[in-house]
N, C-alpha and C. Protein backbone atom coordinates (compact mmCIF):
# COMPACT_ATOMS: atom_id res chain seq x y z
N MET A 1 -141.85 69.35 24.02
CA MET A 1 -140.55 69.90 23.76
C MET A 1 -139.94 69.22 22.55
N THR A 2 -139.08 69.93 21.87
CA THR A 2 -138.40 69.37 20.72
C THR A 2 -136.94 69.16 21.07
N PRO A 3 -136.22 68.28 20.33
CA PRO A 3 -134.83 68.00 20.66
C PRO A 3 -133.93 69.23 20.60
N ASP A 4 -134.32 70.29 19.90
CA ASP A 4 -133.45 71.46 19.87
C ASP A 4 -133.77 72.43 21.00
N ASN A 5 -134.42 71.95 22.04
CA ASN A 5 -134.68 72.77 23.23
C ASN A 5 -133.46 72.89 24.10
N GLY A 6 -132.43 72.16 23.79
CA GLY A 6 -131.22 72.26 24.58
C GLY A 6 -130.58 70.91 24.80
N HIS A 7 -129.44 70.97 25.42
CA HIS A 7 -128.60 69.79 25.61
C HIS A 7 -128.32 69.64 27.10
N VAL A 8 -128.37 68.41 27.58
CA VAL A 8 -128.08 68.12 28.98
C VAL A 8 -126.87 67.19 29.03
N VAL A 9 -125.93 67.53 29.90
CA VAL A 9 -124.79 66.66 30.19
C VAL A 9 -125.03 66.10 31.58
N LEU A 10 -125.10 64.79 31.66
CA LEU A 10 -125.35 64.09 32.93
C LEU A 10 -124.07 63.39 33.35
N ILE A 11 -123.59 63.71 34.56
CA ILE A 11 -122.39 63.07 35.10
C ILE A 11 -122.76 62.43 36.42
N ASP A 12 -122.72 61.09 36.43
CA ASP A 12 -123.05 60.34 37.64
C ASP A 12 -122.35 59.00 37.55
N ASP A 13 -121.77 58.54 38.65
CA ASP A 13 -121.03 57.28 38.63
C ASP A 13 -121.93 56.06 38.65
N SER A 14 -123.22 56.21 38.85
CA SER A 14 -124.15 55.08 38.90
C SER A 14 -124.77 54.82 37.52
N ASP A 15 -124.56 53.61 37.00
CA ASP A 15 -125.17 53.23 35.72
C ASP A 15 -126.68 53.35 35.77
N ASP A 16 -127.27 52.90 36.88
CA ASP A 16 -128.74 52.94 37.00
C ASP A 16 -129.26 54.38 36.97
N VAL A 17 -128.60 55.29 37.65
CA VAL A 17 -129.03 56.69 37.67
C VAL A 17 -128.90 57.28 36.27
N ARG A 18 -127.76 57.03 35.62
CA ARG A 18 -127.57 57.57 34.27
C ARG A 18 -128.63 57.03 33.30
N ARG A 19 -128.92 55.77 33.40
CA ARG A 19 -129.91 55.16 32.51
C ARG A 19 -131.31 55.74 32.78
N HIS A 20 -131.70 55.78 34.05
CA HIS A 20 -133.04 56.26 34.41
C HIS A 20 -133.21 57.74 34.08
N LEU A 21 -132.29 58.58 34.57
CA LEU A 21 -132.41 60.01 34.30
C LEU A 21 -132.23 60.31 32.81
N GLY A 22 -131.34 59.56 32.16
CA GLY A 22 -131.14 59.75 30.72
C GLY A 22 -132.42 59.51 29.94
N ASN A 23 -133.15 58.46 30.30
CA ASN A 23 -134.44 58.19 29.64
C ASN A 23 -135.43 59.33 29.88
N LEU A 24 -135.51 59.81 31.11
CA LEU A 24 -136.42 60.92 31.42
C LEU A 24 -136.05 62.18 30.64
N ILE A 25 -134.76 62.46 30.58
CA ILE A 25 -134.29 63.67 29.89
C ILE A 25 -134.62 63.59 28.41
N ARG A 26 -134.38 62.44 27.80
CA ARG A 26 -134.71 62.28 26.37
C ARG A 26 -136.22 62.39 26.14
N GLN A 27 -137.02 61.83 27.05
CA GLN A 27 -138.47 61.91 26.92
C GLN A 27 -138.96 63.36 27.01
N MET A 28 -138.21 64.19 27.72
CA MET A 28 -138.56 65.61 27.83
C MET A 28 -138.13 66.39 26.60
N GLY A 29 -137.42 65.75 25.68
CA GLY A 29 -137.07 66.37 24.43
C GLY A 29 -135.70 67.01 24.36
N TYR A 30 -134.86 66.75 25.35
CA TYR A 30 -133.51 67.30 25.33
C TYR A 30 -132.55 66.29 24.71
N SER A 31 -131.48 66.78 24.08
CA SER A 31 -130.41 65.89 23.67
C SER A 31 -129.55 65.63 24.92
N LEU A 32 -128.81 64.54 24.90
CA LEU A 32 -128.13 64.10 26.12
C LEU A 32 -126.75 63.54 25.83
N GLU A 33 -125.82 63.87 26.71
CA GLU A 33 -124.52 63.19 26.82
C GLU A 33 -124.43 62.74 28.26
N SER A 34 -123.93 61.53 28.49
CA SER A 34 -123.77 61.12 29.88
C SER A 34 -122.37 60.56 30.09
N TYR A 35 -121.87 60.76 31.30
CA TYR A 35 -120.53 60.34 31.66
C TYR A 35 -120.55 59.68 33.03
N GLU A 36 -119.76 58.62 33.16
CA GLU A 36 -119.59 57.95 34.44
C GLU A 36 -118.55 58.68 35.29
N ARG A 37 -117.55 59.24 34.62
CA ARG A 37 -116.45 59.91 35.32
C ARG A 37 -116.38 61.37 34.91
N ALA A 38 -116.21 62.23 35.87
CA ALA A 38 -116.11 63.67 35.60
C ALA A 38 -114.89 63.99 34.76
N GLU A 39 -113.82 63.23 34.96
CA GLU A 39 -112.60 63.46 34.21
C GLU A 39 -112.83 63.28 32.70
N ASP A 40 -113.68 62.31 32.34
CA ASP A 40 -113.99 62.08 30.92
C ASP A 40 -114.72 63.28 30.34
N PHE A 41 -115.64 63.82 31.12
CA PHE A 41 -116.36 65.02 30.66
C PHE A 41 -115.40 66.20 30.48
N LEU A 42 -114.54 66.44 31.44
CA LEU A 42 -113.63 67.58 31.38
C LEU A 42 -112.63 67.46 30.24
N ALA A 43 -112.35 66.23 29.81
CA ALA A 43 -111.41 66.02 28.70
C ALA A 43 -112.04 66.35 27.34
N ARG A 44 -113.36 66.46 27.29
CA ARG A 44 -114.06 66.76 26.04
C ARG A 44 -114.55 68.20 26.03
N ALA A 45 -114.69 68.72 24.84
CA ALA A 45 -115.28 70.05 24.69
C ALA A 45 -116.77 69.88 24.39
N VAL A 46 -117.59 70.60 25.09
CA VAL A 46 -119.03 70.57 24.84
C VAL A 46 -119.35 71.69 23.85
N ASP A 47 -119.88 71.30 22.71
CA ASP A 47 -120.15 72.27 21.64
C ASP A 47 -121.61 72.68 21.56
N HIS A 48 -122.43 72.13 22.42
CA HIS A 48 -123.87 72.40 22.37
C HIS A 48 -124.22 73.61 23.22
N GLU A 49 -125.11 74.43 22.70
CA GLU A 49 -125.64 75.53 23.50
C GLU A 49 -127.09 75.72 23.13
N PRO A 50 -127.97 75.96 24.04
CA PRO A 50 -127.71 75.99 25.48
C PRO A 50 -127.45 74.60 26.02
N CYS A 51 -126.73 74.56 27.11
CA CYS A 51 -126.35 73.28 27.73
C CYS A 51 -126.46 73.41 29.24
N VAL A 52 -127.05 72.39 29.86
CA VAL A 52 -127.19 72.33 31.31
C VAL A 52 -126.41 71.11 31.80
N LEU A 53 -125.73 71.28 32.91
CA LEU A 53 -124.97 70.19 33.51
C LEU A 53 -125.74 69.64 34.71
N LEU A 54 -126.06 68.36 34.65
CA LEU A 54 -126.72 67.65 35.74
C LEU A 54 -125.62 66.81 36.39
N LEU A 55 -125.21 67.18 37.59
CA LEU A 55 -123.94 66.72 38.15
C LEU A 55 -124.13 66.09 39.53
N ASP A 56 -123.63 64.86 39.66
CA ASP A 56 -123.61 64.19 40.95
C ASP A 56 -122.59 64.88 41.84
N MET A 57 -122.89 65.03 43.11
CA MET A 57 -121.97 65.71 44.02
C MET A 57 -120.81 64.81 44.40
N ARG A 58 -121.11 63.56 44.75
CA ARG A 58 -120.08 62.66 45.25
C ARG A 58 -119.83 61.53 44.25
N MET A 59 -118.61 61.51 43.74
CA MET A 59 -118.21 60.48 42.78
C MET A 59 -116.77 60.09 43.08
N PRO A 60 -116.37 58.88 42.66
CA PRO A 60 -114.93 58.55 42.75
C PRO A 60 -114.16 59.51 41.85
N GLY A 61 -112.97 59.84 42.23
CA GLY A 61 -112.21 60.81 41.44
C GLY A 61 -112.64 62.21 41.82
N LEU A 62 -112.93 63.02 40.82
CA LEU A 62 -113.34 64.40 41.09
C LEU A 62 -114.75 64.46 41.66
N THR A 63 -114.95 65.33 42.63
CA THR A 63 -116.29 65.56 43.17
C THR A 63 -117.01 66.58 42.28
N GLY A 64 -118.28 66.74 42.50
CA GLY A 64 -119.04 67.74 41.76
C GLY A 64 -118.49 69.14 41.96
N LEU A 65 -118.11 69.47 43.19
CA LEU A 65 -117.55 70.79 43.46
C LEU A 65 -116.24 71.01 42.71
N GLU A 66 -115.42 69.98 42.62
CA GLU A 66 -114.16 70.10 41.88
C GLU A 66 -114.41 70.30 40.39
N VAL A 67 -115.44 69.64 39.86
CA VAL A 67 -115.80 69.84 38.46
C VAL A 67 -116.27 71.28 38.26
N GLN A 68 -117.13 71.75 39.15
CA GLN A 68 -117.63 73.12 39.05
C GLN A 68 -116.48 74.12 39.10
N GLN A 69 -115.52 73.92 39.99
CA GLN A 69 -114.37 74.81 40.09
C GLN A 69 -113.51 74.76 38.83
N ALA A 70 -113.34 73.58 38.26
CA ALA A 70 -112.57 73.44 37.02
C ALA A 70 -113.26 74.18 35.87
N LEU A 71 -114.57 74.11 35.81
CA LEU A 71 -115.30 74.81 34.75
C LEU A 71 -115.21 76.31 34.93
N ILE A 72 -115.28 76.78 36.17
CA ILE A 72 -115.14 78.21 36.43
C ILE A 72 -113.75 78.68 36.01
N ALA A 73 -112.73 77.90 36.31
CA ALA A 73 -111.36 78.26 35.93
C ALA A 73 -111.21 78.34 34.41
N ARG A 74 -112.01 77.54 33.69
CA ARG A 74 -111.97 77.55 32.21
C ARG A 74 -112.97 78.53 31.61
N SER A 75 -113.64 79.29 32.45
CA SER A 75 -114.68 80.25 32.01
C SER A 75 -115.80 79.55 31.25
N ARG A 76 -116.12 78.33 31.65
CA ARG A 76 -117.25 77.60 31.08
C ARG A 76 -118.37 77.61 32.12
N LEU A 77 -119.26 78.55 31.98
CA LEU A 77 -120.27 78.77 33.01
C LEU A 77 -121.59 78.12 32.64
N PHE A 78 -121.60 76.80 32.61
CA PHE A 78 -122.83 76.07 32.37
C PHE A 78 -123.77 76.22 33.56
N PRO A 79 -125.07 76.31 33.32
CA PRO A 79 -125.99 76.19 34.44
C PRO A 79 -125.84 74.78 35.03
N ILE A 80 -125.67 74.70 36.34
CA ILE A 80 -125.43 73.41 37.00
C ILE A 80 -126.57 73.10 37.95
N ILE A 81 -127.05 71.86 37.84
CA ILE A 81 -128.02 71.30 38.78
C ILE A 81 -127.33 70.10 39.42
N TYR A 82 -127.24 70.11 40.72
CA TYR A 82 -126.64 68.98 41.43
C TYR A 82 -127.70 67.95 41.76
N ILE A 83 -127.27 66.68 41.74
CA ILE A 83 -128.10 65.58 42.23
C ILE A 83 -127.24 64.79 43.22
N SER A 84 -127.84 64.41 44.32
CA SER A 84 -127.07 63.68 45.31
C SER A 84 -127.99 62.95 46.27
N GLY A 85 -127.49 61.87 46.80
CA GLY A 85 -128.25 61.12 47.78
C GLY A 85 -127.69 61.28 49.18
N GLU A 86 -126.49 61.84 49.28
CA GLU A 86 -125.84 61.87 50.60
C GLU A 86 -124.90 63.06 50.79
N SER A 87 -125.30 64.21 50.35
CA SER A 87 -124.43 65.38 50.48
C SER A 87 -124.55 66.01 51.85
N LYS A 88 -123.48 66.66 52.25
CA LYS A 88 -123.46 67.40 53.49
C LYS A 88 -123.95 68.82 53.22
N MET A 89 -124.47 69.46 54.25
CA MET A 89 -124.99 70.82 54.11
C MET A 89 -123.94 71.77 53.56
N GLN A 90 -122.69 71.64 53.99
CA GLN A 90 -121.64 72.54 53.52
C GLN A 90 -121.40 72.38 52.02
N GLU A 91 -121.53 71.15 51.50
CA GLU A 91 -121.37 70.93 50.06
C GLU A 91 -122.46 71.66 49.28
N VAL A 92 -123.67 71.60 49.79
CA VAL A 92 -124.78 72.30 49.15
C VAL A 92 -124.53 73.81 49.17
N ILE A 93 -124.13 74.32 50.30
CA ILE A 93 -123.86 75.75 50.42
C ILE A 93 -122.73 76.17 49.48
N ASP A 94 -121.64 75.41 49.47
CA ASP A 94 -120.51 75.74 48.60
C ASP A 94 -120.90 75.72 47.13
N SER A 95 -121.70 74.73 46.73
CA SER A 95 -122.12 74.65 45.32
C SER A 95 -122.96 75.86 44.93
N MET A 96 -123.82 76.30 45.81
CA MET A 96 -124.66 77.46 45.52
C MET A 96 -123.83 78.74 45.48
N LYS A 97 -122.85 78.86 46.38
CA LYS A 97 -121.97 80.03 46.37
C LYS A 97 -121.18 80.11 45.06
N LEU A 98 -120.87 78.94 44.49
CA LEU A 98 -120.14 78.91 43.22
C LEU A 98 -121.07 79.10 42.01
N GLY A 99 -122.37 79.17 42.26
CA GLY A 99 -123.29 79.48 41.16
C GLY A 99 -124.21 78.37 40.71
N ALA A 100 -124.24 77.24 41.42
CA ALA A 100 -125.19 76.19 41.04
C ALA A 100 -126.61 76.73 41.11
N LEU A 101 -127.47 76.25 40.23
CA LEU A 101 -128.84 76.76 40.19
C LEU A 101 -129.79 76.00 41.11
N ASP A 102 -129.54 74.71 41.27
CA ASP A 102 -130.47 73.93 42.08
C ASP A 102 -129.76 72.69 42.59
N PHE A 103 -130.44 71.99 43.53
CA PHE A 103 -129.89 70.80 44.15
C PHE A 103 -131.04 69.83 44.36
N LEU A 104 -130.98 68.68 43.70
CA LEU A 104 -132.02 67.67 43.82
C LEU A 104 -131.50 66.48 44.62
N ILE A 105 -132.36 65.95 45.48
CA ILE A 105 -132.00 64.79 46.29
C ILE A 105 -132.48 63.53 45.58
N LYS A 106 -131.60 62.51 45.53
CA LYS A 106 -131.95 61.23 44.93
C LYS A 106 -132.86 60.47 45.89
N PRO A 107 -133.82 59.74 45.42
CA PRO A 107 -134.20 59.58 44.01
C PRO A 107 -134.91 60.84 43.51
N VAL A 108 -134.57 61.23 42.28
CA VAL A 108 -135.09 62.45 41.69
C VAL A 108 -136.48 62.18 41.11
N ARG A 109 -137.42 63.03 41.49
CA ARG A 109 -138.78 62.90 40.95
C ARG A 109 -138.85 63.55 39.58
N HIS A 110 -139.63 62.92 38.70
CA HIS A 110 -139.77 63.39 37.32
C HIS A 110 -140.21 64.86 37.28
N ALA A 111 -141.20 65.23 38.05
CA ALA A 111 -141.72 66.60 38.03
C ALA A 111 -140.65 67.60 38.47
N ASP A 112 -139.87 67.24 39.49
CA ASP A 112 -138.80 68.13 39.95
C ASP A 112 -137.72 68.29 38.88
N LEU A 113 -137.35 67.18 38.25
CA LEU A 113 -136.34 67.23 37.20
C LEU A 113 -136.81 68.10 36.04
N ALA A 114 -138.05 67.92 35.62
CA ALA A 114 -138.59 68.71 34.51
C ALA A 114 -138.59 70.20 34.85
N ARG A 115 -139.00 70.52 36.06
CA ARG A 115 -139.06 71.92 36.48
C ARG A 115 -137.69 72.57 36.49
N VAL A 116 -136.71 71.92 37.11
CA VAL A 116 -135.40 72.55 37.23
C VAL A 116 -134.65 72.57 35.90
N LEU A 117 -134.85 71.55 35.07
CA LEU A 117 -134.21 71.57 33.75
C LEU A 117 -134.75 72.71 32.89
N GLU A 118 -136.05 72.90 32.93
CA GLU A 118 -136.65 73.98 32.15
C GLU A 118 -136.11 75.34 32.61
N SER A 119 -136.03 75.53 33.90
CA SER A 119 -135.52 76.78 34.46
C SER A 119 -134.04 76.97 34.11
N ALA A 120 -133.25 75.92 34.28
CA ALA A 120 -131.81 76.02 33.99
C ALA A 120 -131.56 76.24 32.50
N MET A 121 -132.38 75.61 31.65
CA MET A 121 -132.21 75.79 30.21
C MET A 121 -132.50 77.24 29.82
N ALA A 122 -133.47 77.86 30.48
CA ALA A 122 -133.76 79.28 30.22
C ALA A 122 -132.55 80.14 30.59
N VAL A 123 -131.90 79.83 31.70
CA VAL A 123 -130.68 80.54 32.10
C VAL A 123 -129.60 80.30 31.06
N GLY A 124 -129.47 79.06 30.60
CA GLY A 124 -128.47 78.74 29.58
C GLY A 124 -128.70 79.50 28.29
N ARG A 125 -129.95 79.62 27.88
CA ARG A 125 -130.27 80.37 26.66
C ARG A 125 -129.90 81.85 26.82
N THR A 126 -130.23 82.41 27.97
CA THR A 126 -129.91 83.81 28.23
C THR A 126 -128.40 84.04 28.20
N ARG A 127 -127.64 83.15 28.82
CA ARG A 127 -126.18 83.28 28.82
C ARG A 127 -125.61 83.12 27.41
N CYS A 128 -126.18 82.20 26.65
CA CYS A 128 -125.73 81.97 25.28
C CYS A 128 -125.98 83.21 24.42
N GLU A 129 -127.16 83.79 24.55
CA GLU A 129 -127.49 85.00 23.79
C GLU A 129 -126.57 86.16 24.18
N ALA A 130 -126.28 86.30 25.46
CA ALA A 130 -125.39 87.37 25.92
C ALA A 130 -123.98 87.16 25.36
N ARG A 131 -123.51 85.91 25.35
CA ARG A 131 -122.19 85.61 24.80
C ARG A 131 -122.14 85.93 23.30
N MET A 132 -123.21 85.60 22.59
CA MET A 132 -123.26 85.89 21.15
C MET A 132 -123.26 87.39 20.90
N ARG A 133 -123.99 88.16 21.74
CA ARG A 133 -123.99 89.62 21.60
C ARG A 133 -122.59 90.18 21.84
N GLN A 134 -121.92 89.68 22.86
CA GLN A 134 -120.56 90.15 23.16
C GLN A 134 -119.61 89.83 22.01
N THR A 135 -119.74 88.67 21.43
CA THR A 135 -118.89 88.28 20.30
C THR A 135 -119.14 89.18 19.10
N ARG A 136 -120.41 89.45 18.81
CA ARG A 136 -120.73 90.34 17.68
C ARG A 136 -120.19 91.74 17.93
N LEU A 137 -120.32 92.24 19.15
CA LEU A 137 -119.81 93.57 19.47
C LEU A 137 -118.29 93.61 19.34
N ALA A 138 -117.61 92.60 19.86
CA ALA A 138 -116.15 92.56 19.76
C ALA A 138 -115.71 92.50 18.29
N ASP A 139 -116.44 91.76 17.47
CA ASP A 139 -116.12 91.69 16.03
C ASP A 139 -116.28 93.06 15.38
N ARG A 140 -117.33 93.76 15.73
CA ARG A 140 -117.56 95.10 15.16
C ARG A 140 -116.48 96.09 15.60
N VAL A 141 -116.13 96.04 16.87
CA VAL A 141 -115.09 96.95 17.38
C VAL A 141 -113.76 96.63 16.69
N ALA A 142 -113.48 95.36 16.47
CA ALA A 142 -112.23 94.97 15.81
C ALA A 142 -112.14 95.48 14.38
N GLN A 143 -113.27 95.75 13.76
CA GLN A 143 -113.28 96.23 12.37
C GLN A 143 -113.11 97.74 12.26
N LEU A 144 -113.11 98.44 13.38
CA LEU A 144 -112.95 99.90 13.34
C LEU A 144 -111.52 100.27 12.94
N SER A 145 -111.42 101.38 12.21
CA SER A 145 -110.09 101.92 11.91
C SER A 145 -109.51 102.48 13.21
N GLN A 146 -108.23 102.80 13.19
CA GLN A 146 -107.61 103.34 14.40
C GLN A 146 -108.28 104.65 14.81
N ARG A 147 -108.58 105.50 13.86
CA ARG A 147 -109.24 106.78 14.17
C ARG A 147 -110.64 106.54 14.74
N GLU A 148 -111.39 105.63 14.13
CA GLU A 148 -112.72 105.29 14.64
C GLU A 148 -112.61 104.72 16.06
N ARG A 149 -111.58 103.94 16.31
CA ARG A 149 -111.38 103.35 17.63
C ARG A 149 -111.08 104.44 18.66
N ASP A 150 -110.26 105.42 18.27
CA ASP A 150 -109.95 106.53 19.18
C ASP A 150 -111.23 107.28 19.57
N ILE A 151 -112.08 107.54 18.57
CA ILE A 151 -113.34 108.25 18.81
C ILE A 151 -114.27 107.38 19.67
N PHE A 152 -114.33 106.11 19.35
CA PHE A 152 -115.16 105.17 20.12
C PHE A 152 -114.74 105.17 21.59
N ASP A 153 -113.44 105.14 21.84
CA ASP A 153 -112.94 105.14 23.23
C ASP A 153 -113.37 106.41 23.97
N LEU A 154 -113.35 107.55 23.28
CA LEU A 154 -113.78 108.80 23.89
C LEU A 154 -115.28 108.80 24.20
N ILE A 155 -116.06 108.24 23.30
CA ILE A 155 -117.51 108.14 23.52
C ILE A 155 -117.80 107.25 24.73
N VAL A 156 -117.09 106.13 24.81
CA VAL A 156 -117.28 105.22 25.94
C VAL A 156 -116.92 105.90 27.26
N LYS A 157 -115.93 106.79 27.23
CA LYS A 157 -115.54 107.52 28.44
C LYS A 157 -116.54 108.63 28.80
N GLY A 158 -117.49 108.90 27.90
CA GLY A 158 -118.53 109.86 28.23
C GLY A 158 -118.42 111.21 27.58
N PHE A 159 -117.46 111.38 26.70
CA PHE A 159 -117.34 112.66 26.00
C PHE A 159 -118.44 112.76 24.94
N PRO A 160 -119.20 113.87 24.93
CA PRO A 160 -120.35 113.98 24.01
C PRO A 160 -119.94 114.25 22.56
N ASN A 161 -118.80 114.87 22.34
CA ASN A 161 -118.40 115.16 20.95
C ASN A 161 -116.89 115.32 20.87
């Protein structure tokens, strides 16, 4: 893998976990940002795409679920992979209902991390491409004259001519 295969944001309150997983992620060829506190991550804008969030479920301050809910409220739909050593079944269920892609139990095995990151990065690429297509389409529609816009609206409604 090359460094432009994507970006991973790792949020975990354990220095050892961040260091260990960070080394594995870099060895897999991804660029990396890591945070000890979820609040620090939420205060920054992530400009990298595709981007996958590797998120601890239980941390002091905001929990993983609260981070996921905050991102949804901001319409930032990063592919999320949870990591946890002591989550309850309901937390796992809630995270999946909110759209998390996977859930890894600590200690995380290298092969499992590689597999889920590759899968999540593919989802991130697809979402990024869809967002770019929507932006290009909106830009094109914005350039239409009022008359062209009126005709476009009729075509969208299904009128053939």
